[in-house]
Protein backbone atom coordinates (compact mmCIF):
# COMPACT_ATOMS: atom_id res chain seq x y z
CA MET A 1 2.35 112.90 121.78
CA GLY A 2 0.57 109.54 121.21
CA PHE A 3 -2.56 111.31 119.90
CA VAL A 4 -0.56 113.33 117.53
CA ILE A 5 1.54 110.64 116.55
CA LEU A 6 -1.70 108.70 115.90
CA GLY A 7 -3.25 111.65 113.71
CA VAL A 8 -0.13 112.03 111.51
CA LEU A 9 -0.02 108.46 110.81
CA LEU A 10 -3.28 108.28 109.59
CA LEU A 11 -3.08 111.64 107.46
CA ALA A 12 0.62 109.18 106.22
CA LEU A 13 -1.61 106.16 105.20
CA HIS A 14 -4.07 108.50 103.42
CA PHE A 15 -2.05 110.16 101.23
CA ALA A 16 0.09 107.02 100.68
CA GLY A 17 -3.30 105.56 99.37
CA LEU A 18 -2.76 102.38 102.04
CA GLY A 19 -4.75 100.71 104.52
CA PRO A 20 -8.09 101.88 105.46
CA PRO A 21 -7.35 105.38 106.07
CA ALA A 22 -7.02 105.49 101.95
CA GLN A 23 -10.79 105.35 101.78
CA TRP A 24 -11.67 107.84 104.21
CA ASN A 25 -12.77 111.20 102.35
CA PHE A 26 -12.02 114.62 104.05
CA GLU A 27 -15.84 115.47 103.77
CA VAL A 28 -17.22 117.44 106.99
CA ALA A 29 -20.24 114.88 107.15
CA GLY A 30 -17.90 111.58 106.33
CA ASP A 31 -14.83 110.49 107.45
CA LEU A 32 -13.15 113.92 108.41
CA TRP A 33 -13.79 113.43 112.14
CA LYS A 34 -11.42 110.50 111.95
CA PHE A 35 -8.87 112.36 110.88
CA VAL A 36 -9.59 115.65 113.28
CA ALA A 37 -10.67 113.09 116.17
CA PRO A 38 -7.06 112.14 117.52
CA PHE A 39 -5.95 116.02 117.24
CA VAL A 40 -9.10 117.20 119.47
CA ALA A 41 -7.84 114.36 122.00
CA ALA A 42 -4.03 115.93 121.73
CA LEU A 43 -5.77 119.14 122.72
CA ALA A 44 -7.88 117.96 125.58
CA TRP A 45 -5.26 116.22 126.88
CA TRP A 46 -2.91 119.23 127.22
CA ALA A 47 -5.51 121.35 128.19
CA TRP A 48 -5.93 118.52 131.21
CA SER A 49 -2.57 118.78 131.77
CA ASP A 50 -1.92 122.31 131.86
CA ALA A 51 -4.95 123.20 133.72
CA SER A 52 -4.36 120.25 136.16
CA GLY A 53 -0.88 121.58 137.22
CA ARG A 54 0.24 118.31 135.75
CA THR A 55 2.81 119.72 133.14
CA ARG A 56 4.52 122.10 135.77
CA ARG A 57 5.59 119.27 137.94
CA LEU A 58 6.99 117.35 135.67
CA VAL A 59 9.22 120.59 134.72
CA MET A 60 9.83 121.38 138.07
CA GLU A 61 10.61 117.29 139.09
CA HIS A 62 13.36 117.36 135.45
CA GLU A 63 14.94 121.04 136.93
CA ARG A 64 15.48 118.94 140.67
CA GLU A 65 17.01 115.91 138.81
CA LYS A 66 19.24 118.11 136.89
CA VAL A 67 20.24 120.53 139.94
CA ASP A 68 20.74 117.15 141.80
CA ALA A 69 22.84 115.58 139.25
CA ARG A 70 24.97 119.04 139.27
CA ARG A 71 25.73 118.77 143.12
CA ARG A 72 26.93 115.39 143.09
CA LYS A 73 29.24 116.05 140.44
CA GLN A 74 30.33 118.93 142.32
CA ILE A 75 30.65 116.56 145.67
CA VAL A 76 32.79 114.21 143.52
CA THR A 77 34.85 117.08 141.75
CA ILE A 78 35.33 118.95 145.52
CA LYS A 79 36.27 115.81 147.80
CA PRO A 80 39.80 115.56 148.35
CA PRO A 81 41.23 112.16 147.50
CA GLN A 82 41.59 109.70 150.48
CA SER A 83 45.54 108.49 151.08
CA LYS A 84 46.20 105.31 152.51
């Protein structure tokens, strides 16, 4: 996600006319690679993340946390009040 944010930020700076990106051009033999590089890096990251199983592990972990939270809530709800 960071690479995408960087790419969008570079494009926004270019079109706003701010900083060094304002001077870059979109010619293939020029500075186009500076705009495209963050998006290519994001694609490479996501491809690696999916291929290595990292994405699926994160999803499974998130689902497990949701199930555990739901179980804890149900246990508290079902537990009878203790009398003194």
